Amino acid sequence: AGDDPGAMAAVSAPAERVAALLDGSGVVIANDNAPGQAVISGATRTVDAAVDALAAEGLSARRIPVACAFHSPLVAAAEQALSAVLASRDVTAPRFPVYANSTAAPYPGTPDEVRRTLAAQVASPVRFAEQIEAMYAAGARTFIEAGPGRVLTGLVHRILGDRPHVAVPCDVP
């Protein structure tokens, strides 16, 4: 159990419904990605049990291939390690709003606050849907996915629906 890095699973249901069904299970909502899509995280056995319990409720849930239970208390120790690394790095406050997915708000205005926010993200839930809504409310209409694939581009479309916006993936096969 002490060597268990944990696991994660994608669930096709609203985060609130998933949280209510799994209350007290030891599994947490790691990502509130979009309407009708959440990701759970926790110890491998509890995530596997949660996937079975959610399937029994008629929900689609599947394990996703990750190294550990990101965005959960299982990786909280990594926050200290990341803090130590960030303390030795030159960090400046953003010159324009850059949103943190753990707060769904722009990064704070001082280097030390930026470091704290970055370090906290490893064990904090991802509030992606709320982040995109906050960015949209602040005037963002163009969203560029810089990482591989197009998953986030699709989530932006699901979140914003018919509202005017452009979402573009940059690194697709």
C-alpha atoms as a PDB file:
ATOM      1  CA  ALA A   1       0.000   0.000   0.000  1.00  0.00           C
ATOM      2  CA  GLY A   2       2.868   2.410   0.792  1.00  0.00           C
ATOM      3  CA  ASP A   3       4.373   1.769  -2.635  1.00  0.00           C
ATOM      4  CA  ASP A   4       1.100   2.370  -4.464  1.00  0.00           C
ATOM      5  CA  PRO A   5       1.457   5.463  -6.672  1.00  0.00           C
ATOM      6  CA  GLY A   6      -2.304   5.528  -7.122  1.00  0.00           C
ATOM      7  CA  ALA A   7      -4.451   5.745 -10.209  1.00  0.00           C
ATOM      8  CA  MET A   8      -6.890   7.959 -12.061  1.00  0.00           C
ATOM      9  CA  ALA A   9     -10.038   7.337 -14.083  1.00  0.00           C
ATOM     10  CA  ALA A  10     -12.153   9.423 -16.446  1.00  0.00           C
ATOM     11  CA  VAL A  11     -15.878   9.491 -15.729  1.00  0.00           C
ATOM     12  CA  SER A  12     -18.596  10.596 -18.135  1.00  0.00           C
ATOM     13  CA  ALA A  13     -20.733  12.444 -15.613  1.00  0.00           C
ATOM     14  CA  PRO A  14     -20.839  15.826 -13.886  1.00  0.00           C
ATOM     15  CA  ALA A  15     -18.253  16.193 -11.126  1.00  0.00           C
ATOM     16  CA  GLU A  16     -20.967  16.946  -8.546  1.00  0.00           C
ATOM     17  CA  ARG A  17     -22.771  13.671  -9.252  1.00  0.00           C
ATOM     18  CA  VAL A  18     -19.530  11.675  -9.163  1.00  0.00           C
ATOM     19  CA  ALA A  19     -18.510  13.307  -5.871  1.00  0.00           C
ATOM     20  CA  ALA A  20     -21.885  12.495  -4.315  1.00  0.00           C
ATOM     21  CA  LEU A  21     -21.701   8.854  -5.419  1.00  0.00           C
ATOM     22  CA  LEU A  22     -18.148   8.420  -4.137  1.00  0.00           C
ATOM     23  CA  ASP A  23     -18.464  10.379  -0.892  1.00  0.00           C
ATOM     24  CA  GLY A  24     -16.409   8.659   1.806  1.00  0.00           C
ATOM     25  CA  SER A  25     -14.705   6.258  -0.624  1.00  0.00           C
ATOM     26  CA  GLY A  26     -11.253   7.813  -0.356  1.00  0.00           C
ATOM     27  CA  VAL A  27     -11.358   8.810  -4.016  1.00  0.00           C
ATOM     28  CA  VAL A  28     -11.336  12.510  -4.917  1.00  0.00           C
ATOM     29  CA  ILE A  29     -12.420  14.547  -7.908  1.00  0.00           C
ATOM     30  CA  ALA A  30      -9.072  15.408  -9.492  1.00  0.00           C
ATOM     31  CA  ASN A  31     -10.411  17.231 -12.540  1.00  0.00           C
ATOM     32  CA  ASP A  32     -13.675  18.998 -13.254  1.00  0.00           C
ATOM     33  CA  ASN A  33     -12.984  19.077 -16.970  1.00  0.00           C
ATOM     34  CA  ALA A  34     -16.268  19.970 -18.655  1.00  0.00           C
ATOM     35  CA  PRO A  35     -19.993  19.499 -18.286  1.00  0.00           C
ATOM     36  CA  GLY A  36     -20.428  15.744 -17.995  1.00  0.00           C
ATOM     37  CA  GLN A  37     -16.722  14.865 -17.633  1.00  0.00           C
ATOM     38  CA  ALA A  38     -14.707  14.433 -14.457  1.00  0.00           C
ATOM     39  CA  VAL A  39     -11.552  12.595 -13.464  1.00  0.00           C
ATOM     40  CA  ILE A  40     -11.148  10.763 -10.168  1.00  0.00           C
ATOM     41  CA  SER A  41      -7.906  10.041  -8.336  1.00  0.00           C
ATOM     42  CA  GLY A  42      -6.777   7.961  -5.377  1.00  0.00           C
ATOM     43  CA  ALA A  43      -5.206   4.707  -4.282  1.00  0.00           C
ATOM     44  CA  THR A  44      -5.312   2.087  -7.050  1.00  0.00           C
ATOM     45  CA  ARG A  45      -7.670  -0.281  -5.216  1.00  0.00           C
ATOM     46  CA  THR A  46     -10.095   2.505  -4.333  1.00  0.00           C
ATOM     47  CA  VAL A  47     -10.084   3.901  -7.883  1.00  0.00           C
ATOM     48  CA  ASP A  48     -10.763   0.410  -9.276  1.00  0.00           C
ATOM     49  CA  ALA A  49     -13.612  -0.035  -6.765  1.00  0.00           C
ATOM     50  CA  ALA A  50     -14.952   3.407  -7.691  1.00  0.00           C
ATOM     51  CA  VAL A  51     -14.908   2.532 -11.402  1.00  0.00           C
ATOM     52  CA  ASP A  52     -16.973  -0.579 -10.617  1.00  0.00           C
ATOM     53  CA  ALA A  53     -19.362   1.373  -8.361  1.00  0.00           C
ATOM     54  CA  LEU A  54     -19.859   4.067 -10.986  1.00  0.00           C
ATOM     55  CA  ALA A  55     -20.488   1.433 -13.681  1.00  0.00           C
ATOM     56  CA  ALA A  56     -23.137  -0.114 -11.399  1.00  0.00           C
ATOM     57  CA  GLU A  57     -24.803   3.321 -11.399  1.00  0.00           C
ATOM     58  CA  GLY A  58     -24.806   3.313 -15.215  1.00  0.00           C
ATOM     59  CA  LEU A  59     -21.900   5.731 -15.620  1.00  0.00           C
ATOM     60  CA  SER A  60     -19.005   5.265 -18.005  1.00  0.00           C
ATOM     61  CA  ALA A  61     -15.728   5.224 -16.068  1.00  0.00           C
ATOM     62  CA  ARG A  62     -12.339   4.020 -17.306  1.00  0.00           C
ATOM     63  CA  ARG A  63      -8.839   4.060 -15.917  1.00  0.00           C
ATOM     64  CA  ILE A  64      -6.471   6.435 -17.667  1.00  0.00           C
ATOM     65  CA  PRO A  65      -2.754   5.700 -18.144  1.00  0.00           C
ATOM     66  CA  VAL A  66      -0.924   7.978 -15.694  1.00  0.00           C
ATOM     67  CA  ALA A  67       2.111   7.552 -13.460  1.00  0.00           C
ATOM     68  CA  CYS A  68       0.296   8.297 -10.205  1.00  0.00           C
ATOM     69  CA  ALA A  69      -2.782   9.768  -8.544  1.00  0.00           C
ATOM     70  CA  PHE A  70      -2.172  13.360  -9.585  1.00  0.00           C
ATOM     71  CA  HIS A  71      -4.270  16.136  -8.034  1.00  0.00           C
ATOM     72  CA  SER A  72      -4.991  14.104  -4.921  1.00  0.00           C
ATOM     73  CA  PRO A  73      -3.697  13.842  -1.351  1.00  0.00           C
ATOM     74  CA  LEU A  74      -1.587  10.831  -2.443  1.00  0.00           C
ATOM     75  CA  VAL A  75       0.854  13.203  -4.141  1.00  0.00           C
ATOM     76  CA  ALA A  76       0.815  15.939  -1.496  1.00  0.00           C
ATOM     77  CA  ALA A  77       4.452  15.238  -0.567  1.00  0.00           C
ATOM     78  CA  ALA A  78       5.457  16.272  -4.077  1.00  0.00           C
ATOM     79  CA  GLU A  79       4.303  19.796  -3.265  1.00  0.00           C
ATOM     80  CA  GLN A  80       7.214  20.217  -0.836  1.00  0.00           C
ATOM     81  CA  ALA A  81       9.722  18.861  -3.351  1.00  0.00           C
ATOM     82  CA  LEU A  82       8.386  21.134  -6.079  1.00  0.00           C
ATOM     83  CA  SER A  83       8.463  24.097  -3.680  1.00  0.00           C
ATOM     84  CA  ALA A  84      12.134  23.435  -3.014  1.00  0.00           C
ATOM     85  CA  VAL A  85      12.937  23.344  -6.722  1.00  0.00           C
ATOM     86  CA  LEU A  86      10.912  26.482  -7.428  1.00  0.00           C
ATOM     87  CA  ALA A  87      12.660  28.327  -4.572  1.00  0.00           C
ATOM     88  CA  SER A  88      15.920  27.988  -6.499  1.00  0.00           C
ATOM     89  CA  ARG A  89      14.442  29.227  -9.772  1.00  0.00           C
ATOM     90  CA  ASP A  90      14.000  32.751 -11.066  1.00  0.00           C
ATOM     91  CA  VAL A  91      10.247  33.271 -11.156  1.00  0.00           C
ATOM     92  CA  THR A  92       8.514  36.503 -12.061  1.00  0.00           C
ATOM     93  CA  ALA A  93       4.906  37.527 -11.891  1.00  0.00           C
ATOM     94  CA  PRO A  94       3.103  37.279 -15.234  1.00  0.00           C
ATOM     95  CA  ARG A  95       2.974  40.474 -17.318  1.00  0.00           C
ATOM     96  CA  PHE A  96      -0.522  39.573 -18.496  1.00  0.00           C
ATOM     97  CA  PRO A  97      -3.163  37.299 -16.968  1.00  0.00           C
ATOM     98  CA  VAL A  98      -2.106  33.649 -16.905  1.00  0.00           C
ATOM     99  CA  TYR A  99      -4.702  31.375 -15.333  1.00  0.00           C
ATOM    100  CA  ALA A 100      -3.880  28.618 -12.863  1.00  0.00           C
ATOM    101  CA  ASN A 101      -6.064  25.548 -13.229  1.00  0.00           C
ATOM    102  CA  SER A 102      -6.065  24.892  -9.476  1.00  0.00           C
ATOM    103  CA  THR A 103      -7.602  28.284  -8.669  1.00  0.00           C
ATOM    104  CA  ALA A 104      -9.422  29.041 -11.943  1.00  0.00           C
ATOM    105  CA  ALA A 105      -8.023  32.571 -11.550  1.00  0.00           C
ATOM    106  CA  PRO A 106      -5.011  34.509 -12.774  1.00  0.00           C
ATOM    107  CA  TYR A 107      -1.717  33.753 -11.069  1.00  0.00           C
ATOM    108  CA  PRO A 108      -0.996  36.131  -8.195  1.00  0.00           C
ATOM    109  CA  GLY A 109       1.225  39.188  -8.524  1.00  0.00           C
ATOM    110  CA  THR A 110       4.410  38.297  -6.644  1.00  0.00           C
ATOM    111  CA  PRO A 111       7.075  35.673  -7.423  1.00  0.00           C
ATOM    112  CA  ASP A 112       6.591  33.938  -4.043  1.00  0.00           C
ATOM    113  CA  GLU A 113       2.823  33.707  -4.590  1.00  0.00           C
ATOM    114  CA  VAL A 114       3.403  32.305  -8.087  1.00  0.00           C
ATOM    115  CA  ARG A 115       5.761  29.680  -6.634  1.00  0.00           C
ATOM    116  CA  ARG A 116       3.190  28.696  -3.974  1.00  0.00           C
ATOM    117  CA  THR A 117       0.414  28.423  -6.564  1.00  0.00           C
ATOM    118  CA  LEU A 118       2.570  26.317  -8.900  1.00  0.00           C
ATOM    119  CA  ALA A 119       3.660  23.961  -6.115  1.00  0.00           C
ATOM    120  CA  ALA A 120       0.102  23.540  -4.819  1.00  0.00           C
ATOM    121  CA  GLN A 121      -1.193  22.498  -8.255  1.00  0.00           C
ATOM    122  CA  VAL A 122       0.342  19.025  -8.087  1.00  0.00           C
ATOM    123  CA  ALA A 123      -2.041  17.886  -5.321  1.00  0.00           C
ATOM    124  CA  SER A 124      -4.942  20.298  -5.931  1.00  0.00           C
ATOM    125  CA  PRO A 125      -7.983  19.534  -8.063  1.00  0.00           C
ATOM    126  CA  VAL A 126      -7.975  20.882 -11.607  1.00  0.00           C
ATOM    127  CA  ARG A 127     -10.866  23.305 -12.078  1.00  0.00           C
ATOM    128  CA  PHE A 128     -10.641  23.396 -15.880  1.00  0.00           C
ATOM    129  CA  ALA A 129     -14.315  24.092 -16.620  1.00  0.00           C
ATOM    130  CA  GLU A 130     -14.370  26.935 -14.096  1.00  0.00           C
ATOM    131  CA  GLN A 131     -11.068  28.259 -15.460  1.00  0.00           C
ATOM    132  CA  ILE A 132     -12.364  28.417 -19.034  1.00  0.00           C
ATOM    133  CA  GLU A 133     -15.553  30.139 -17.840  1.00  0.00           C
ATOM    134  CA  ALA A 134     -13.467  32.697 -15.907  1.00  0.00           C
ATOM    135  CA  MET A 135     -11.246  33.324 -18.910  1.00  0.00           C
ATOM    136  CA  TYR A 136     -14.304  33.739 -21.141  1.00  0.00           C
ATOM    137  CA  ALA A 137     -15.880  36.163 -18.661  1.00  0.00           C
ATOM    138  CA  ALA A 138     -12.625  38.152 -18.743  1.00  0.00           C
ATOM    139  CA  GLY A 139     -12.858  38.425 -22.542  1.00  0.00           C
ATOM    140  CA  ALA A 140     -10.875  35.460 -23.871  1.00  0.00           C
ATOM    141  CA  ARG A 141     -12.312  34.115 -27.116  1.00  0.00           C
ATOM    142  CA  THR A 142      -9.280  32.331 -28.577  1.00  0.00           C
ATOM    143  CA  PHE A 143      -7.882  29.242 -26.842  1.00  0.00           C
ATOM    144  CA  ILE A 144      -4.694  27.555 -28.057  1.00  0.00           C
ATOM    145  CA  GLU A 145      -3.759  24.054 -26.911  1.00  0.00           C
ATOM    146  CA  ALA A 146       0.036  23.960 -26.758  1.00  0.00           C
ATOM    147  CA  GLY A 147       0.497  20.343 -25.634  1.00  0.00           C
ATOM    148  CA  PRO A 148       0.175  17.160 -27.659  1.00  0.00           C
ATOM    149  CA  GLY A 149      -3.233  16.167 -28.942  1.00  0.00           C
ATOM    150  CA  ARG A 150      -6.552  17.939 -28.894  1.00  0.00           C
ATOM    151  CA  VAL A 151      -8.233  16.829 -25.679  1.00  0.00           C
ATOM    152  CA  LEU A 152      -8.278  20.301 -24.113  1.00  0.00           C
ATOM    153  CA  THR A 153      -9.534  21.862 -27.359  1.00  0.00           C
ATOM    154  CA  GLY A 154     -12.488  19.480 -27.259  1.00  0.00           C
ATOM    155  CA  LEU A 155     -13.145  20.302 -23.602  1.00  0.00           C
ATOM    156  CA  VAL A 156     -13.164  24.041 -24.379  1.00  0.00           C
ATOM    157  CA  HIS A 157     -15.792  23.418 -27.083  1.00  0.00           C
ATOM    158  CA  ARG A 158     -17.890  21.380 -24.612  1.00  0.00           C
ATOM    159  CA  ILE A 159     -17.631  24.076 -21.940  1.00  0.00           C
ATOM    160  CA  LEU A 160     -18.406  27.052 -24.158  1.00  0.00           C
ATOM    161  CA  GLY A 161     -20.895  25.342 -26.471  1.00  0.00           C
ATOM    162  CA  ASP A 162     -22.448  27.766 -28.969  1.00  0.00           C
ATOM    163  CA  ARG A 163     -20.864  30.886 -27.477  1.00  0.00           C
ATOM    164  CA  PRO A 164     -18.442  32.642 -29.852  1.00  0.00           C
ATOM    165  CA  HIS A 165     -14.919  31.249 -29.493  1.00  0.00           C
ATOM    166  CA  VAL A 166     -12.063  29.605 -31.363  1.00  0.00           C
ATOM    167  CA  ALA A 167     -10.094  26.692 -29.920  1.00  0.00           C
ATOM    168  CA  VAL A 168      -7.053  25.423 -31.805  1.00  0.00           C
ATOM    169  CA  PRO A 169      -4.736  22.469 -31.095  1.00  0.00           C
ATOM    170  CA  CYS A 170      -1.119  23.027 -32.149  1.00  0.00           C
ATOM    171  CA  ASP A 171       0.434  19.566 -31.850  1.00  0.00           C
ATOM    172  CA  VAL A 172      -1.703  16.891 -33.440  1.00  0.00           C
ATOM    173  CA  PRO A 173      -0.546  13.839 -35.381  1.00  0.00           C
END
